[in-house]
Amino acid sequence: MDESRLSILLQNVSDGSLSVEDALSQLRGLPYEAVGDFATLDHHRALRSGFPETIYCESKTPEQVAAIAERLAERSPRPSRAHFDAAAERVADLRWHELARCLWMDREPDAPRSEGVVLICAGTSDLPVLEEAALTLDLMGHRPHRISDVGVAGLHRIFPHIPAIQSANVVIVVAGMEGALASVVGGLTNAPVIAVPTSVGYGASFGGVSALLTMLNSCASGVAVVNIDNGFGAGHLAALINSKIEAKS
């Protein structure tokens, strides 16, 4: 339930095409809804924060994901393929993004997308996290400009992209290994930079902890850091920032 659907519901009650009793039935589960004994869905989130609840699939069974997806699909607009296969049996228009490892559904595919977000990854191995952020941005109404495989081991590769970086409203930098690219980009632009450490690496990378600490210790101003592999969180934050900037322009 988002603002547009709520407005339609109220309008239908006002013009008599929907009874008060039927409207109450639809609104009864608006704040939250229990699904079995394993989940409590937050149907009010889109009204509060502008974006509906998402399903974090890690550690959930395919059956649990399927049940949650079914209820969210009826009320609204990091998974494995098994999660998607189970959920798709109940939600026909559910889609799967193999690289981003996300199952998703877009009820407004023709909605306009805003420019202004630049999305950068250091290496090809970081692409799954980049694509998770890109998919999140797209679903929230933004069209990111992608720049891939420009890590500090070959820093000259980023030079042709500096004009795009400097014209952005917000930049997301996805990097594993030592995670130094976020500091480099932070020194090239006055836009806020959202750094995403990834678990890509070996030895002393400690599953992304090394990149996380590097980004937290960035000497460049204007760099904020989300958790390891959190492409969704970075994309969501960038969308909120870009929306505020676009609204003022």
Protein backbone atom coordinates (compact mmCIF):
# COMPACT_ATOMS: atom_id res chain seq x y z
CA MET A 1 0.00 0.00 0.00
CA ASP A 2 1.58 3.26 -1.18
CA GLU A 3 0.23 6.81 -1.30
CA SER A 4 -1.23 6.48 -4.80
CA ARG A 5 -3.13 3.27 -3.98
CA LEU A 6 -4.34 4.74 -0.70
CA SER A 7 -5.60 7.84 -2.53
CA ILE A 8 -7.48 5.63 -5.02
CA LEU A 9 -8.99 3.66 -2.15
CA LEU A 10 -10.24 6.83 -0.44
CA GLN A 11 -11.55 8.23 -3.72
CA ASN A 12 -13.47 5.00 -4.35
CA VAL A 13 -15.11 5.30 -0.93
CA SER A 14 -15.89 8.96 -1.61
CA ASP A 15 -17.60 8.30 -4.96
CA GLY A 16 -19.47 5.25 -3.65
CA SER A 17 -17.79 2.63 -5.84
CA LEU A 18 -16.32 0.97 -2.73
CA SER A 19 -18.16 0.37 0.51
CA VAL A 20 -16.76 1.50 3.85
CA GLU A 21 -16.74 -2.15 4.97
CA ASP A 22 -14.65 -3.25 1.97
CA ALA A 23 -12.25 -0.35 2.49
CA LEU A 24 -11.85 -1.29 6.14
CA SER A 25 -11.12 -4.86 5.07
CA GLN A 26 -8.29 -3.64 2.83
CA LEU A 27 -6.93 -1.28 5.49
CA ARG A 28 -7.13 -3.78 8.34
CA GLY A 29 -3.74 -5.28 7.51
CA LEU A 30 -2.11 -2.00 6.54
CA PRO A 31 0.23 -1.54 9.53
CA TYR A 32 1.52 -5.13 9.60
CA GLU A 33 0.55 -8.71 8.90
CA ALA A 34 1.70 -11.98 10.45
CA VAL A 35 2.73 -14.71 8.03
CA GLY A 36 2.69 -18.04 9.84
CA ASP A 37 4.89 -17.96 12.91
CA PHE A 38 8.04 -16.79 11.11
CA ALA A 39 7.41 -13.27 9.72
CA THR A 40 5.57 -10.02 10.40
CA LEU A 41 5.25 -7.96 7.23
CA ASP A 42 5.44 -4.17 7.41
CA HIS A 43 2.83 -2.99 4.88
CA HIS A 44 3.06 0.58 6.20
CA ARG A 45 6.70 1.07 5.18
CA ALA A 46 6.01 2.59 1.75
CA LEU A 47 3.83 5.26 3.34
CA ARG A 48 6.52 6.08 5.90
CA SER A 49 9.68 5.90 3.83
CA GLY A 50 8.57 5.94 0.18
CA PHE A 51 9.70 2.38 -0.65
CA PRO A 52 8.02 -0.90 0.28
CA GLU A 53 9.46 -3.72 2.35
CA THR A 54 12.06 -5.94 0.72
CA ILE A 55 12.84 -9.57 1.51
CA TYR A 56 16.30 -10.45 2.81
CA CYS A 57 16.46 -14.05 1.61
CA GLU A 58 19.68 -15.21 3.27
CA SER A 59 18.97 -17.84 5.96
CA LYS A 60 15.29 -18.06 5.01
CA THR A 61 13.93 -21.26 3.49
CA PRO A 62 12.50 -21.17 -0.05
CA GLU A 63 9.07 -21.89 1.43
CA GLN A 64 9.33 -18.91 3.80
CA VAL A 65 10.43 -16.59 0.97
CA ALA A 66 7.59 -17.84 -1.22
CA ALA A 67 4.99 -17.18 1.47
CA ILE A 68 6.33 -13.69 2.19
CA ALA A 69 6.58 -12.82 -1.52
CA GLU A 70 3.02 -14.01 -2.11
CA ARG A 71 1.64 -11.78 0.64
CA LEU A 72 3.70 -8.74 -0.41
CA ALA A 73 2.63 -9.19 -4.02
CA GLU A 74 -1.02 -9.27 -3.04
CA ARG A 75 -0.71 -6.20 -0.85
CA SER A 76 1.73 -4.10 -2.87
CA PRO A 77 2.83 -3.58 -5.94
CA ARG A 78 20.06 -12.15 -1.03
CA PRO A 79 18.24 -15.02 -2.53
CA SER A 80 19.18 -18.24 -4.28
CA ARG A 81 17.53 -19.58 -7.41
CA ALA A 82 15.61 -21.98 -5.17
CA HIS A 83 14.04 -18.99 -3.39
CA PHE A 84 12.91 -17.57 -6.73
CA ASP A 85 11.60 -20.87 -8.08
CA ALA A 86 9.48 -21.40 -4.98
CA ALA A 87 8.15 -17.83 -4.94
CA ALA A 88 7.48 -17.74 -8.70
CA GLU A 89 5.03 -20.60 -8.33
CA ARG A 90 2.83 -18.25 -6.30
CA VAL A 91 3.66 -14.86 -7.91
CA ALA A 92 3.46 -15.09 -11.69
CA ASP A 93 5.11 -11.76 -12.54
CA LEU A 94 8.07 -12.18 -10.20
CA ARG A 95 11.42 -11.80 -11.95
CA TRP A 96 14.94 -13.02 -11.22
CA HIS A 97 18.23 -11.13 -11.68
CA GLU A 98 20.94 -13.77 -11.88
CA LEU A 99 23.97 -11.52 -11.39
CA ALA A 100 22.46 -9.39 -8.61
CA ARG A 101 20.92 -12.49 -6.99
CA CYS A 102 17.66 -10.64 -6.50
CA LEU A 103 14.07 -11.60 -7.07
CA TRP A 104 11.91 -8.60 -7.81
CA MET A 105 8.69 -7.25 -9.26
CA ASP A 106 8.00 -3.85 -10.79
CA ARG A 107 4.36 -2.75 -10.79
CA GLU A 108 5.24 0.60 -12.45
CA PRO A 109 7.75 -0.29 -15.21
CA ASP A 110 6.88 2.78 -17.28
CA ALA A 111 7.43 5.27 -14.45
CA PRO A 112 10.03 7.95 -15.29
CA ARG A 113 13.61 7.44 -14.10
CA SER A 114 15.83 10.28 -12.85
CA GLU A 115 19.44 10.78 -13.83
CA GLY A 116 22.11 11.94 -11.38
CA VAL A 117 23.54 8.76 -9.81
CA VAL A 118 26.91 7.37 -10.89
CA LEU A 119 27.59 3.77 -9.91
CA ILE A 120 31.21 2.58 -9.99
CA CYS A 121 32.82 -0.78 -9.26
CA ALA A 122 36.51 -1.46 -8.90
CA GLY A 123 36.59 -4.90 -10.51
CA THR A 124 34.46 -7.28 -12.52
CA SER A 125 34.16 -9.50 -9.43
CA ASP A 126 32.32 -6.64 -7.71
CA LEU A 127 29.56 -6.60 -10.36
CA PRO A 128 27.00 -8.63 -8.34
CA VAL A 129 26.94 -5.92 -5.64
CA LEU A 130 26.92 -3.16 -8.26
CA GLU A 131 23.93 -4.77 -10.00
CA GLU A 132 22.07 -5.13 -6.70
CA ALA A 133 22.50 -1.39 -6.18
CA ALA A 134 21.53 -0.66 -9.79
CA LEU A 135 18.35 -2.74 -9.56
CA THR A 136 17.40 -1.00 -6.31
CA LEU A 137 17.91 2.40 -7.91
CA ASP A 138 15.85 1.45 -10.95
CA LEU A 139 12.94 0.21 -8.85
CA MET A 140 13.07 3.45 -6.84
CA GLY A 141 12.87 5.57 -10.00
CA HIS A 142 16.50 6.32 -10.90
CA ARG A 143 18.69 5.42 -13.88
CA PRO A 144 22.31 5.06 -12.73
CA HIS A 145 25.28 5.66 -14.98
CA ARG A 146 27.51 2.57 -14.63
CA ILE A 147 31.32 2.61 -14.65
CA SER A 148 32.93 -0.82 -14.26
CA ASP A 149 36.40 -2.28 -13.69
CA VAL A 150 38.32 0.92 -12.88
CA GLY A 151 40.12 -0.15 -9.69
CA VAL A 152 43.32 1.36 -8.36
CA ALA A 153 45.53 -1.36 -9.87
CA GLY A 154 44.99 0.48 -13.16
CA LEU A 155 43.94 3.91 -11.98
CA HIS A 156 44.30 5.51 -15.42
CA ARG A 157 41.13 3.67 -16.45
CA ILE A 158 39.00 6.07 -14.43
CA PHE A 159 40.35 9.23 -16.11
CA PRO A 160 37.86 9.26 -19.05
CA HIS A 161 35.00 9.03 -16.55
CA ILE A 162 35.94 12.02 -14.39
CA PRO A 163 33.47 14.41 -16.12
CA ALA A 164 30.58 12.01 -15.42
CA ILE A 165 31.70 11.59 -11.80
CA GLN A 166 31.97 15.34 -11.28
CA SER A 167 28.51 15.99 -12.73
CA ALA A 168 26.77 13.43 -10.49
CA ASN A 169 24.45 14.27 -7.61
CA VAL A 170 25.60 11.19 -5.71
CA VAL A 171 28.18 8.48 -6.41
CA ILE A 172 28.26 4.87 -5.27
CA VAL A 173 31.65 3.14 -5.21
CA VAL A 174 31.75 -0.65 -4.91
CA ALA A 175 35.15 -2.20 -4.19
CA GLY A 176 36.69 -5.25 -2.60
CA MET A 177 40.36 -6.14 -2.01
CA GLU A 178 41.82 -3.09 -0.23
CA GLY A 179 38.83 -0.84 -1.04
CA ALA A 180 40.96 2.20 -1.93
CA LEU A 181 38.84 3.33 -4.88
CA ALA A 182 36.30 5.07 -2.63
CA SER A 183 38.95 7.50 -1.37
CA VAL A 184 40.14 8.19 -4.92
CA VAL A 185 36.62 9.01 -6.10
CA GLY A 186 35.93 11.03 -2.96
CA GLY A 187 38.84 13.28 -3.90
CA LEU A 188 37.47 13.87 -7.41
CA THR A 189 33.95 15.15 -6.70
CA ASN A 190 31.95 17.39 -4.39
CA ALA A 191 29.03 14.95 -4.52
CA PRO A 192 28.39 12.60 -1.58
CA VAL A 193 30.10 9.24 -2.09
CA ILE A 194 28.55 6.05 -0.75
CA ALA A 195 31.22 3.39 -0.36
CA VAL A 196 30.32 -0.29 -0.49
CA PRO A 197 33.00 -2.76 0.60
CA THR A 198 32.63 -6.20 -0.95
CA SER A 199 33.73 -9.60 0.26
CA VAL A 200 35.86 -10.01 -2.87
CA GLY A 201 39.47 -10.75 -1.92
CA TYR A 202 41.75 -13.33 -0.37
CA GLY A 203 44.13 -13.76 2.53
CA ALA A 204 44.07 -10.69 4.76
CA SER A 205 40.95 -9.25 3.11
CA PHE A 206 38.98 -11.15 5.80
CA GLY A 207 35.82 -11.41 3.70
CA GLY A 208 35.58 -7.66 3.10
CA VAL A 209 36.67 -6.40 6.52
CA SER A 210 39.90 -5.00 5.06
CA ALA A 211 37.99 -2.96 2.45
CA LEU A 212 35.48 -1.87 5.10
CA LEU A 213 38.21 -0.52 7.38
CA THR A 214 39.95 1.25 4.49
CA MET A 215 36.73 2.99 3.53
CA LEU A 216 35.95 3.94 7.13
CA ASN A 217 39.44 5.46 7.36
CA SER A 218 39.14 7.37 4.09
CA CYS A 219 41.11 10.61 4.04
CA ALA A 220 38.65 12.06 1.50
CA SER A 221 35.78 14.09 2.91
CA GLY A 222 32.22 13.27 1.96
CA VAL A 223 32.58 9.48 1.95
CA ALA A 224 30.02 7.42 3.90
CA VAL A 225 30.17 3.63 4.19
CA VAL A 226 27.52 0.93 4.22
CA ASN A 227 28.04 -2.67 5.28
CA ILE A 228 29.92 -5.35 3.34
CA ASP A 229 28.14 -6.40 0.11
CA ASN A 230 25.18 -4.11 0.93
CA GLY A 231 24.34 -2.99 -2.60
CA PHE A 232 20.69 -2.64 -1.66
CA GLY A 233 21.45 -0.25 1.20
CA ALA A 234 23.72 1.86 -0.98
CA GLY A 235 21.18 2.02 -3.80
CA HIS A 236 18.37 2.93 -1.42
CA LEU A 237 20.39 5.71 0.20
CA ALA A 238 21.53 7.10 -3.16
CA ALA A 239 17.93 7.13 -4.39
CA LEU A 240 16.79 9.11 -1.36
CA ILE A 241 19.59 11.66 -1.82
CA ASN A 242 19.01 12.01 -5.55
CA SER A 243 15.25 12.40 -5.09
CA LYS A 244 15.76 15.29 -2.65
CA ILE A 245 18.18 17.01 -5.03
CA GLU A 246 15.93 16.48 -8.05
CA ALA A 247 12.94 17.85 -6.14
CA LYS A 248 14.78 21.11 -5.48
CA SER A 249 16.04 21.58 -9.03
